[in-house]
């Protein structure tokens, strides 16, 4: 894959995507088989015998979920190295660590599934995981209410109170554990 000094064009991006899809093709095929067992959609009988009942035990799903639940006791720890030498630099680095730890835990709770549990599931099932973040996310940023025509003063004040509370509790950072098949990184780099 070529490296470009100029801004890449659409055909360059498409060529890079096709190249990376070829590299990941065998892994994606294996991951599809793993997904079939986890979601219990794997073929049970040969195609010519479709008259038999299909009962798929939940063993594959339970094995993965139990392993992931066992790993859930792991909580990532944040450590910030001092920017320089000296006691002042170490104290500054130590001041940031509790906030960063609390922020990482809050980011994980904002996702539909706990980020680190999802990462554990990916690593257990596929042997590969990817975490994206921390990202700045302004999609749920509260906006100041404007009084609408004919709106009662009491209703407007209630919306202002709600806005004030949302502004205090809004958290602009997110982190996600994306499905590995959606991430096309060059494994050789």
N, C-alpha and C. Protein backbone atom coordinates (compact mmCIF):
# COMPACT_ATOMS: atom_id res chain seq x y z
N UNK A 1 0.85 -1.17 0.00
CA UNK A 1 0.00 0.00 0.00
C UNK A 1 0.89 1.23 0.00
N UNK A 2 0.61 2.14 -0.90
CA UNK A 2 1.44 3.33 -1.06
C UNK A 2 1.13 4.36 0.01
N UNK A 3 2.14 5.15 0.35
CA UNK A 3 1.95 6.27 1.27
C UNK A 3 1.89 7.55 0.45
N UNK A 4 0.96 8.41 0.79
CA UNK A 4 0.73 9.62 0.01
C UNK A 4 1.13 10.85 0.81
N UNK A 5 1.82 11.75 0.14
CA UNK A 5 2.17 13.01 0.77
C UNK A 5 1.06 14.02 0.59
N UNK A 6 0.33 13.92 -0.54
CA UNK A 6 -0.78 14.82 -0.80
C UNK A 6 -2.04 14.27 -0.16
N UNK A 7 -3.07 15.10 -0.18
CA UNK A 7 -4.36 14.70 0.35
C UNK A 7 -4.91 13.53 -0.49
N UNK A 8 -5.30 12.42 0.15
CA UNK A 8 -5.78 11.27 -0.63
C UNK A 8 -7.13 11.58 -1.29
N UNK A 9 -7.31 10.99 -2.45
CA UNK A 9 -8.57 11.14 -3.17
C UNK A 9 -9.45 9.93 -2.88
N UNK A 10 -10.68 9.97 -3.38
CA UNK A 10 -11.64 8.89 -3.12
C UNK A 10 -11.12 7.55 -3.63
N UNK A 11 -10.48 7.53 -4.80
CA UNK A 11 -9.98 6.26 -5.34
C UNK A 11 -8.84 5.70 -4.48
N UNK A 12 -8.04 6.58 -3.87
CA UNK A 12 -6.97 6.12 -2.98
C UNK A 12 -7.56 5.45 -1.74
N UNK A 13 -8.60 6.05 -1.20
CA UNK A 13 -9.25 5.49 -0.01
C UNK A 13 -9.91 4.16 -0.35
N UNK A 14 -10.56 4.09 -1.52
CA UNK A 14 -11.19 2.84 -1.94
C UNK A 14 -10.15 1.74 -2.15
N UNK A 15 -9.01 2.09 -2.75
CA UNK A 15 -7.94 1.11 -2.97
C UNK A 15 -7.39 0.61 -1.63
N UNK A 16 -7.22 1.52 -0.67
CA UNK A 16 -6.73 1.12 0.66
C UNK A 16 -7.73 0.21 1.35
N UNK A 17 -9.02 0.53 1.21
CA UNK A 17 -10.06 -0.31 1.82
C UNK A 17 -10.05 -1.70 1.21
N UNK A 18 -9.98 -1.80 -0.11
CA UNK A 18 -9.94 -3.11 -0.77
C UNK A 18 -8.71 -3.91 -0.35
N UNK A 19 -7.57 -3.22 -0.24
CA UNK A 19 -6.33 -3.88 0.20
C UNK A 19 -6.49 -4.46 1.61
N UNK A 20 -7.03 -3.65 2.52
CA UNK A 20 -7.19 -4.10 3.90
C UNK A 20 -8.25 -5.19 4.02
N UNK A 21 -9.30 -5.12 3.21
CA UNK A 21 -10.31 -6.18 3.23
C UNK A 21 -9.71 -7.51 2.80
N UNK A 22 -8.78 -7.48 1.83
CA UNK A 22 -8.10 -8.71 1.41
C UNK A 22 -7.25 -9.27 2.55
N UNK A 23 -6.55 -8.38 3.23
CA UNK A 23 -5.71 -8.82 4.35
C UNK A 23 -6.55 -9.48 5.44
N UNK A 24 -7.71 -8.89 5.75
CA UNK A 24 -8.55 -9.37 6.85
C UNK A 24 -9.56 -10.43 6.41
N UNK A 25 -9.57 -10.82 5.14
CA UNK A 25 -10.59 -11.72 4.61
C UNK A 25 -10.68 -13.04 5.38
N UNK A 26 -9.57 -13.69 5.61
CA UNK A 26 -9.61 -14.99 6.31
C UNK A 26 -10.03 -14.82 7.77
N UNK A 27 -9.59 -13.74 8.41
CA UNK A 27 -10.00 -13.49 9.80
C UNK A 27 -11.51 -13.23 9.86
N UNK A 28 -12.04 -12.44 8.93
CA UNK A 28 -13.47 -12.16 8.93
C UNK A 28 -14.29 -13.43 8.70
N UNK A 29 -13.81 -14.32 7.84
CA UNK A 29 -14.51 -15.59 7.60
C UNK A 29 -14.54 -16.42 8.88
N UNK A 30 -13.43 -16.45 9.60
CA UNK A 30 -13.38 -17.19 10.86
C UNK A 30 -14.30 -16.55 11.89
N UNK A 31 -14.32 -15.22 11.95
CA UNK A 31 -15.17 -14.51 12.90
C UNK A 31 -16.64 -14.74 12.61
N UNK A 32 -17.01 -14.89 11.34
CA UNK A 32 -18.41 -15.20 10.99
C UNK A 32 -18.80 -16.56 11.55
N UNK A 33 -17.90 -17.53 11.50
CA UNK A 33 -18.18 -18.84 12.09
C UNK A 33 -18.36 -18.72 13.60
N UNK A 34 -17.50 -17.94 14.23
CA UNK A 34 -17.60 -17.73 15.68
C UNK A 34 -18.94 -17.08 16.02
N UNK A 35 -19.33 -16.08 15.23
CA UNK A 35 -20.62 -15.41 15.45
C UNK A 35 -21.79 -16.38 15.29
N UNK A 36 -21.70 -17.32 14.33
CA UNK A 36 -22.76 -18.30 14.15
C UNK A 36 -22.93 -19.16 15.40
N UNK A 37 -21.83 -19.55 16.02
CA UNK A 37 -21.92 -20.36 17.22
C UNK A 37 -22.41 -19.52 18.41
N UNK A 38 -21.91 -18.30 18.54
CA UNK A 38 -22.32 -17.46 19.67
C UNK A 38 -23.81 -17.14 19.60
N UNK A 39 -24.30 -16.80 18.42
CA UNK A 39 -25.71 -16.43 18.24
C UNK A 39 -26.60 -17.63 17.94
N UNK A 40 -26.01 -18.82 17.93
CA UNK A 40 -26.71 -20.08 17.72
C UNK A 40 -27.50 -20.10 16.41
N UNK A 41 -26.83 -19.70 15.33
CA UNK A 41 -27.44 -19.77 14.00
C UNK A 41 -26.69 -20.75 13.11
N UNK A 42 -25.78 -21.51 13.67
CA UNK A 42 -24.98 -22.43 12.88
C UNK A 42 -25.86 -23.54 12.31
N UNK A 43 -25.50 -24.07 11.14
CA UNK A 43 -26.29 -25.16 10.56
C UNK A 43 -26.12 -26.44 11.38
N UNK A 44 -27.25 -27.05 11.70
CA UNK A 44 -27.21 -28.23 12.55
C UNK A 44 -27.23 -29.53 11.75
N UNK A 45 -28.03 -29.57 10.71
CA UNK A 45 -28.17 -30.76 9.87
C UNK A 45 -27.73 -30.41 8.45
N UNK A 46 -27.33 -31.40 7.69
CA UNK A 46 -27.01 -31.13 6.28
C UNK A 46 -28.21 -30.54 5.55
N UNK A 47 -27.95 -29.82 4.48
CA UNK A 47 -29.00 -29.09 3.77
C UNK A 47 -30.10 -30.00 3.25
N UNK A 48 -29.78 -31.26 2.89
CA UNK A 48 -30.80 -32.15 2.33
C UNK A 48 -31.71 -32.77 3.40
N UNK A 49 -31.38 -32.60 4.68
CA UNK A 49 -32.22 -33.11 5.77
C UNK A 49 -32.81 -31.91 6.52
N UNK A 50 -33.86 -31.33 5.99
CA UNK A 50 -34.48 -30.16 6.62
C UNK A 50 -35.71 -30.51 7.43
N UNK A 51 -36.06 -31.79 7.52
CA UNK A 51 -37.29 -32.18 8.21
C UNK A 51 -37.09 -32.33 9.71
N UNK A 52 -35.87 -32.43 10.17
CA UNK A 52 -35.60 -32.63 11.59
C UNK A 52 -35.71 -31.30 12.35
N UNK A 53 -36.06 -31.42 13.62
CA UNK A 53 -36.10 -30.23 14.47
C UNK A 53 -34.68 -29.73 14.71
N UNK A 54 -34.59 -28.43 14.90
CA UNK A 54 -33.28 -27.83 15.16
C UNK A 54 -33.27 -27.24 16.55
N UNK A 55 -32.58 -27.90 17.43
CA UNK A 55 -32.39 -27.39 18.79
C UNK A 55 -30.90 -27.15 18.96
N UNK A 56 -30.57 -25.91 19.24
CA UNK A 56 -29.17 -25.57 19.45
C UNK A 56 -28.97 -25.20 20.92
N UNK A 57 -28.18 -25.96 21.64
CA UNK A 57 -27.96 -25.64 23.05
C UNK A 57 -27.22 -24.31 23.21
N UNK A 58 -27.39 -23.70 24.35
CA UNK A 58 -26.80 -22.38 24.60
C UNK A 58 -25.36 -22.46 25.09
N UNK A 59 -24.75 -23.60 24.99
CA UNK A 59 -23.39 -23.79 25.51
C UNK A 59 -22.38 -22.79 24.93
N UNK A 60 -22.32 -22.58 23.59
CA UNK A 60 -21.31 -21.63 23.08
C UNK A 60 -21.49 -20.22 23.66
N UNK A 61 -22.74 -19.77 23.74
CA UNK A 61 -23.01 -18.44 24.28
C UNK A 61 -22.64 -18.37 25.75
N UNK A 62 -23.00 -19.41 26.50
CA UNK A 62 -22.71 -19.42 27.94
C UNK A 62 -21.22 -19.47 28.24
N UNK A 63 -20.47 -20.21 27.43
CA UNK A 63 -19.03 -20.30 27.65
C UNK A 63 -18.38 -18.93 27.49
N UNK A 64 -18.73 -18.22 26.41
CA UNK A 64 -18.16 -16.90 26.17
C UNK A 64 -18.62 -15.91 27.25
N UNK A 65 -19.93 -15.89 27.53
CA UNK A 65 -20.44 -14.94 28.53
C UNK A 65 -19.85 -15.19 29.91
N UNK A 66 -19.67 -16.45 30.28
CA UNK A 66 -19.08 -16.76 31.59
C UNK A 66 -17.62 -16.29 31.64
N UNK A 67 -16.89 -16.53 30.56
CA UNK A 67 -15.49 -16.08 30.53
C UNK A 67 -15.41 -14.56 30.62
N UNK A 68 -16.30 -13.87 29.92
CA UNK A 68 -16.29 -12.40 29.94
C UNK A 68 -16.71 -11.89 31.31
N UNK A 69 -17.71 -12.50 31.92
CA UNK A 69 -18.12 -12.07 33.26
C UNK A 69 -17.02 -12.29 34.28
N UNK A 70 -16.23 -13.32 34.10
CA UNK A 70 -15.09 -13.55 34.99
C UNK A 70 -14.04 -12.46 34.81
N UNK A 71 -13.85 -12.02 33.57
CA UNK A 71 -12.89 -10.96 33.29
C UNK A 71 -13.37 -9.60 33.77
N UNK A 72 -14.67 -9.44 33.98
CA UNK A 72 -15.23 -8.14 34.33
C UNK A 72 -14.65 -7.59 35.62
N UNK A 73 -14.07 -8.43 36.43
CA UNK A 73 -13.44 -7.95 37.66
C UNK A 73 -12.27 -7.03 37.35
N UNK A 74 -11.77 -7.09 36.11
CA UNK A 74 -10.67 -6.22 35.71
C UNK A 74 -11.18 -4.82 35.46
N UNK A 75 -10.53 -3.85 36.03
CA UNK A 75 -10.85 -2.45 35.79
C UNK A 75 -9.56 -1.76 35.38
N UNK A 76 -9.56 -1.10 34.22
CA UNK A 76 -8.32 -0.46 33.78
C UNK A 76 -7.86 0.60 34.78
N UNK A 77 -6.59 0.71 34.96
CA UNK A 77 -6.03 1.70 35.88
C UNK A 77 -5.34 2.79 35.06
N UNK A 78 -5.51 3.99 35.51
CA UNK A 78 -4.95 5.15 34.82
C UNK A 78 -3.67 5.56 35.54
N UNK A 79 -2.62 5.76 34.77
CA UNK A 79 -1.37 6.28 35.33
C UNK A 79 -0.83 7.32 34.36
N UNK A 80 -0.56 8.49 34.88
CA UNK A 80 0.01 9.56 34.05
C UNK A 80 1.44 9.77 34.49
N UNK A 81 2.34 9.65 33.54
CA UNK A 81 3.75 9.89 33.84
C UNK A 81 3.98 11.40 33.94
N UNK A 82 4.88 11.83 34.83
CA UNK A 82 5.17 13.25 34.97
C UNK A 82 5.73 13.82 33.66
N UNK A 83 5.38 15.09 33.39
CA UNK A 83 5.84 15.75 32.17
C UNK A 83 7.32 16.13 32.26
N UNK A 84 7.83 16.19 33.45
CA UNK A 84 9.24 16.53 33.64
C UNK A 84 9.75 15.88 34.91
N UNK A 85 10.90 16.35 35.37
CA UNK A 85 11.46 15.80 36.60
C UNK A 85 11.17 16.76 37.74
N UNK A 86 11.05 16.18 38.90
CA UNK A 86 10.83 17.00 40.08
C UNK A 86 9.53 16.65 40.78
N UNK A 87 9.46 17.08 42.02
CA UNK A 87 8.31 16.77 42.85
C UNK A 87 7.05 17.47 42.36
N UNK A 88 7.19 18.69 41.87
CA UNK A 88 6.03 19.45 41.37
C UNK A 88 5.39 18.73 40.19
N UNK A 89 6.21 18.23 39.28
CA UNK A 89 5.69 17.53 38.10
C UNK A 89 4.97 16.24 38.50
N UNK A 90 5.52 15.55 39.49
CA UNK A 90 4.88 14.32 39.96
C UNK A 90 3.54 14.63 40.63
N UNK A 91 3.48 15.71 41.41
CA UNK A 91 2.23 16.09 42.05
C UNK A 91 1.17 16.45 41.02
N UNK A 92 1.57 17.18 39.97
CA UNK A 92 0.62 17.52 38.91
C UNK A 92 0.09 16.28 38.20
N UNK A 93 0.98 15.34 37.93
CA UNK A 93 0.55 14.10 37.29
C UNK A 93 -0.40 13.32 38.19
N UNK A 94 -0.12 13.30 39.50
CA UNK A 94 -0.97 12.58 40.44
C UNK A 94 -2.34 13.24 40.59
N UNK A 95 -2.44 14.54 40.38
CA UNK A 95 -3.73 15.23 40.49
C UNK A 95 -4.68 14.83 39.37
N UNK A 96 -4.16 14.51 38.22
CA UNK A 96 -4.99 14.19 37.06
C UNK A 96 -5.51 12.75 37.12
N UNK A 97 -4.78 11.86 37.73
CA UNK A 97 -5.13 10.44 37.72
C UNK A 97 -6.53 10.14 38.26
N UNK A 98 -6.95 10.67 39.42
CA UNK A 98 -8.31 10.34 39.90
C UNK A 98 -9.41 10.82 38.95
N UNK A 99 -9.23 12.02 38.37
CA UNK A 99 -10.23 12.51 37.41
C UNK A 99 -10.29 11.61 36.18
N UNK A 100 -9.12 11.26 35.66
CA UNK A 100 -9.08 10.42 34.46
C UNK A 100 -9.70 9.05 34.74
N UNK A 101 -9.46 8.48 35.91
CA UNK A 101 -10.05 7.19 36.27
C UNK A 101 -11.57 7.31 36.34
N UNK A 102 -12.07 8.36 37.00
CA UNK A 102 -13.52 8.56 37.09
C UNK A 102 -14.13 8.82 35.71
N UNK A 103 -13.42 9.56 34.87
CA UNK A 103 -13.92 9.86 33.52
C UNK A 103 -14.01 8.58 32.69
N UNK A 104 -13.00 7.71 32.77
CA UNK A 104 -13.03 6.45 32.02
C UNK A 104 -14.19 5.56 32.47
N UNK A 105 -14.45 5.54 33.77
CA UNK A 105 -15.56 4.73 34.27
C UNK A 105 -16.90 5.31 33.81
N UNK A 106 -17.04 6.63 33.83
CA UNK A 106 -18.27 7.28 33.38
C UNK A 106 -18.49 7.05 31.89
N UNK A 107 -17.41 7.15 31.10
CA UNK A 107 -17.53 6.91 29.66
C UNK A 107 -18.03 5.50 29.38
N UNK A 108 -17.53 4.53 30.12
CA UNK A 108 -17.95 3.15 29.90
C UNK A 108 -19.43 2.97 30.23
N UNK A 109 -19.92 3.69 31.23
CA UNK A 109 -21.32 3.55 31.64
C UNK A 109 -22.29 4.20 30.65
N UNK A 110 -21.80 5.09 29.80
CA UNK A 110 -22.68 5.76 28.84
C UNK A 110 -23.00 4.91 27.61
N UNK A 111 -22.30 3.81 27.45
CA UNK A 111 -22.52 2.95 26.29
C UNK A 111 -23.61 1.91 26.60
N UNK A 112 -24.25 1.36 25.55
CA UNK A 112 -25.29 0.35 25.78
C UNK A 112 -24.77 -0.88 26.53
N UNK A 113 -23.53 -1.26 26.27
CA UNK A 113 -22.88 -2.35 27.01
C UNK A 113 -21.58 -1.80 27.56
N UNK A 114 -21.20 -2.20 28.74
CA UNK A 114 -19.97 -1.70 29.33
C UNK A 114 -18.81 -1.88 28.36
N UNK A 115 -18.06 -0.80 28.12
CA UNK A 115 -17.00 -0.81 27.12
C UNK A 115 -16.00 -1.91 27.36
N UNK A 116 -15.56 -2.08 28.59
CA UNK A 116 -14.51 -3.05 28.87
C UNK A 116 -15.06 -4.47 28.82
N UNK A 117 -16.34 -4.64 29.13
CA UNK A 117 -16.95 -5.96 29.00
C UNK A 117 -17.08 -6.31 27.51
N UNK A 118 -17.48 -5.34 26.69
CA UNK A 118 -17.58 -5.58 25.26
C UNK A 118 -16.21 -5.91 24.67
N UNK A 119 -15.18 -5.18 25.11
CA UNK A 119 -13.81 -5.47 24.66
C UNK A 119 -13.41 -6.89 25.06
N UNK A 120 -13.73 -7.30 26.28
CA UNK A 120 -13.43 -8.65 26.73
C UNK A 120 -14.14 -9.69 25.89
N UNK A 121 -15.39 -9.41 25.50
CA UNK A 121 -16.13 -10.35 24.65
C UNK A 121 -15.46 -10.48 23.29
N UNK A 122 -15.04 -9.35 22.72
CA UNK A 122 -14.36 -9.39 21.42
C UNK A 122 -13.05 -10.16 21.51
N UNK A 123 -12.29 -9.91 22.56
CA UNK A 123 -11.00 -10.60 22.69
C UNK A 123 -11.19 -12.08 22.97
N UNK A 124 -12.25 -12.45 23.69
CA UNK A 124 -12.52 -13.86 23.95
C UNK A 124 -12.99 -14.57 22.68
N UNK A 125 -13.87 -13.93 21.94
CA UNK A 125 -14.45 -14.57 20.75
C UNK A 125 -13.51 -14.54 19.55
N UNK A 126 -12.88 -13.39 19.30
CA UNK A 126 -12.12 -13.21 18.07
C UNK A 126 -10.60 -13.16 18.28
N UNK A 127 -10.18 -13.04 19.54
CA UNK A 127 -8.76 -12.92 19.80
C UNK A 127 -8.21 -11.56 19.43
N UNK A 128 -9.10 -10.59 19.27
CA UNK A 128 -8.70 -9.26 18.82
C UNK A 128 -9.73 -8.26 19.32
N UNK A 129 -9.31 -7.12 19.77
CA UNK A 129 -10.25 -6.10 20.23
C UNK A 129 -9.73 -4.72 19.92
N UNK A 130 -10.65 -3.78 19.88
CA UNK A 130 -10.29 -2.41 19.54
C UNK A 130 -11.19 -1.47 20.34
N UNK A 131 -10.57 -0.51 21.02
CA UNK A 131 -11.32 0.50 21.75
C UNK A 131 -11.06 1.85 21.09
N UNK A 132 -12.14 2.56 20.81
CA UNK A 132 -12.04 3.88 20.20
C UNK A 132 -12.37 4.92 21.27
N UNK A 133 -11.45 5.81 21.50
CA UNK A 133 -11.74 6.86 22.46
C UNK A 133 -10.54 7.16 23.32
N UNK A 134 -10.65 8.09 24.19
CA UNK A 134 -11.81 8.94 24.43
C UNK A 134 -12.06 9.90 23.26
N UNK A 135 -13.34 10.06 22.94
CA UNK A 135 -13.77 10.95 21.86
C UNK A 135 -14.60 12.09 22.44
N UNK A 136 -14.54 13.23 21.81
CA UNK A 136 -15.39 14.35 22.20
C UNK A 136 -16.72 14.18 21.48
N UNK A 137 -17.82 14.14 22.23
CA UNK A 137 -19.15 13.89 21.67
C UNK A 137 -20.09 15.00 22.12
N UNK A 138 -20.50 15.82 21.16
CA UNK A 138 -21.40 16.94 21.47
C UNK A 138 -22.84 16.67 21.07
N UNK A 139 -23.19 15.43 20.73
CA UNK A 139 -24.53 15.15 20.23
C UNK A 139 -25.61 15.39 21.28
N UNK A 140 -25.33 15.13 22.53
CA UNK A 140 -26.34 15.31 23.57
C UNK A 140 -26.11 16.57 24.41
N UNK A 141 -25.37 17.50 23.85
CA UNK A 141 -25.08 18.74 24.57
C UNK A 141 -26.38 19.52 24.77
N UNK A 142 -26.66 19.91 26.01
CA UNK A 142 -27.91 20.64 26.26
C UNK A 142 -27.86 22.04 25.64
N UNK A 143 -28.99 22.47 25.15
CA UNK A 143 -29.07 23.82 24.57
C UNK A 143 -30.04 24.66 25.39
N UNK A 144 -29.71 25.93 25.52
CA UNK A 144 -30.51 26.84 26.33
C UNK A 144 -31.90 26.97 25.71
N UNK A 145 -32.94 26.81 26.54
CA UNK A 145 -34.30 26.92 26.00
C UNK A 145 -34.67 28.37 25.68
N UNK A 146 -35.48 28.52 24.66
CA UNK A 146 -36.01 29.84 24.30
C UNK A 146 -37.51 29.84 24.57
N UNK A 147 -37.96 30.93 25.05
CA UNK A 147 -39.38 31.02 25.38
C UNK A 147 -40.20 31.01 24.10
N UNK A 148 -41.19 30.14 24.07
CA UNK A 148 -42.04 30.03 22.90
C UNK A 148 -43.27 30.93 23.05
N UNK A 149 -43.84 31.27 21.91
CA UNK A 149 -45.03 32.13 21.94
C UNK A 149 -46.15 31.45 22.70
N UNK A 150 -46.76 32.18 23.60
CA UNK A 150 -47.89 31.67 24.35
C UNK A 150 -47.52 30.68 25.45
N UNK A 151 -46.23 30.52 25.71
CA UNK A 151 -45.80 29.57 26.75
C UNK A 151 -45.98 30.18 28.13
N UNK A 152 -46.47 29.38 29.01
CA UNK A 152 -46.69 29.81 30.39
C UNK A 152 -45.33 30.02 31.07
N UNK A 153 -45.23 31.02 31.94
CA UNK A 153 -43.99 31.33 32.65
C UNK A 153 -43.51 30.13 33.47
N UNK A 154 -44.44 29.43 34.08
CA UNK A 154 -44.09 28.28 34.91
C UNK A 154 -43.47 27.15 34.07
N UNK A 155 -44.02 26.91 32.88
CA UNK A 155 -43.47 25.88 31.99
C UNK A 155 -42.07 26.27 31.51
N UNK A 156 -41.89 27.54 31.19
CA UNK A 156 -40.58 28.00 30.73
C UNK A 156 -39.53 27.86 31.83
N UNK A 157 -39.90 28.22 33.05
CA UNK A 157 -38.98 28.09 34.18
C UNK A 157 -38.64 26.62 34.44
N UNK A 158 -39.60 25.73 34.25
CA UNK A 158 -39.33 24.30 34.42
C UNK A 158 -38.33 23.82 33.37
N UNK A 159 -38.46 24.30 32.13
CA UNK A 159 -37.50 23.93 31.08
C UNK A 159 -36.13 24.52 31.36
N UNK A 160 -36.08 25.73 31.93
CA UNK A 160 -34.79 26.33 32.29
C UNK A 160 -34.13 25.54 33.42
N UNK A 161 -34.90 25.09 34.38
CA UNK A 161 -34.37 24.28 35.48
C UNK A 161 -33.83 22.96 34.94
N UNK A 162 -34.58 22.35 34.03
CA UNK A 162 -34.12 21.11 33.40
C UNK A 162 -32.82 21.34 32.64
N UNK A 163 -32.72 22.46 31.93
CA UNK A 163 -31.50 22.80 31.20
C UNK A 163 -30.32 22.97 32.16
N UNK A 164 -30.54 23.66 33.27
CA UNK A 164 -29.47 23.87 34.25
C UNK A 164 -28.98 22.53 34.80
N UNK A 165 -29.89 21.60 35.06
CA UNK A 165 -29.49 20.28 35.56
C UNK A 165 -28.75 19.47 34.49
N UNK A 166 -29.23 19.52 33.26
CA UNK A 166 -28.56 18.79 32.18
C UNK A 166 -27.17 19.35 31.94
N UNK A 167 -27.01 20.66 32.08
CA UNK A 167 -25.70 21.28 31.87
C UNK A 167 -24.71 20.80 32.93
N UNK A 168 -25.19 20.57 34.15
CA UNK A 168 -24.31 20.10 35.23
C UNK A 168 -23.90 18.65 35.03
N UNK A 169 -24.79 17.83 34.48
CA UNK A 169 -24.53 16.39 34.40
C UNK A 169 -24.09 15.93 33.01
N UNK A 170 -24.07 16.82 32.03
CA UNK A 170 -23.67 16.42 30.68
C UNK A 170 -22.20 16.06 30.66
N UNK A 171 -21.89 14.94 30.03
CA UNK A 171 -20.51 14.47 29.96
C UNK A 171 -20.11 14.36 28.49
N UNK A 172 -19.16 15.17 28.03
CA UNK A 172 -18.88 15.25 26.59
C UNK A 172 -17.96 14.18 26.02
N UNK A 173 -17.49 13.25 26.82
CA UNK A 173 -16.53 12.26 26.33
C UNK A 173 -17.20 10.90 26.20
N UNK A 174 -16.79 10.14 25.19
CA UNK A 174 -17.30 8.78 24.99
C UNK A 174 -16.14 7.86 24.62
N UNK A 175 -16.34 6.59 24.85
CA UNK A 175 -15.40 5.57 24.40
C UNK A 175 -16.22 4.35 24.01
N UNK A 176 -15.79 3.66 22.96
CA UNK A 176 -16.55 2.52 22.45
C UNK A 176 -15.62 1.37 22.13
N UNK A 177 -16.16 0.18 22.27
CA UNK A 177 -15.46 -1.02 21.81
C UNK A 177 -16.14 -1.46 20.53
N UNK A 178 -15.57 -1.07 19.39
CA UNK A 178 -16.15 -1.40 18.10
C UNK A 178 -15.94 -2.87 17.77
N UNK A 179 -16.85 -3.42 16.98
CA UNK A 179 -16.67 -4.79 16.52
C UNK A 179 -15.41 -4.84 15.67
N UNK A 180 -14.52 -5.79 15.89
CA UNK A 180 -13.26 -5.82 15.15
C UNK A 180 -13.42 -5.87 13.63
N UNK A 181 -14.51 -6.43 13.14
CA UNK A 181 -14.71 -6.51 11.69
C UNK A 181 -14.96 -5.12 11.07
N UNK A 182 -15.33 -4.14 11.91
CA UNK A 182 -15.58 -2.80 11.40
C UNK A 182 -14.32 -1.95 11.36
N UNK A 183 -13.23 -2.45 11.93
CA UNK A 183 -11.99 -1.68 12.00
C UNK A 183 -10.99 -2.31 11.05
N UNK A 184 -10.54 -1.55 10.07
CA UNK A 184 -9.60 -2.07 9.08
C UNK A 184 -8.22 -1.42 9.30
N UNK A 185 -7.52 -1.87 10.31
CA UNK A 185 -6.16 -1.41 10.55
C UNK A 185 -5.18 -2.38 9.91
N UNK A 186 -4.09 -1.88 9.41
CA UNK A 186 -3.10 -2.77 8.83
C UNK A 186 -2.38 -3.50 9.96
N UNK A 187 -2.52 -4.83 10.06
CA UNK A 187 -1.90 -5.56 11.16
C UNK A 187 -0.37 -5.58 11.10
N UNK A 188 0.20 -5.22 9.96
CA UNK A 188 1.65 -5.25 9.82
C UNK A 188 2.29 -3.93 10.25
N UNK A 189 1.48 -2.92 10.52
CA UNK A 189 2.02 -1.61 10.90
C UNK A 189 1.64 -1.28 12.33
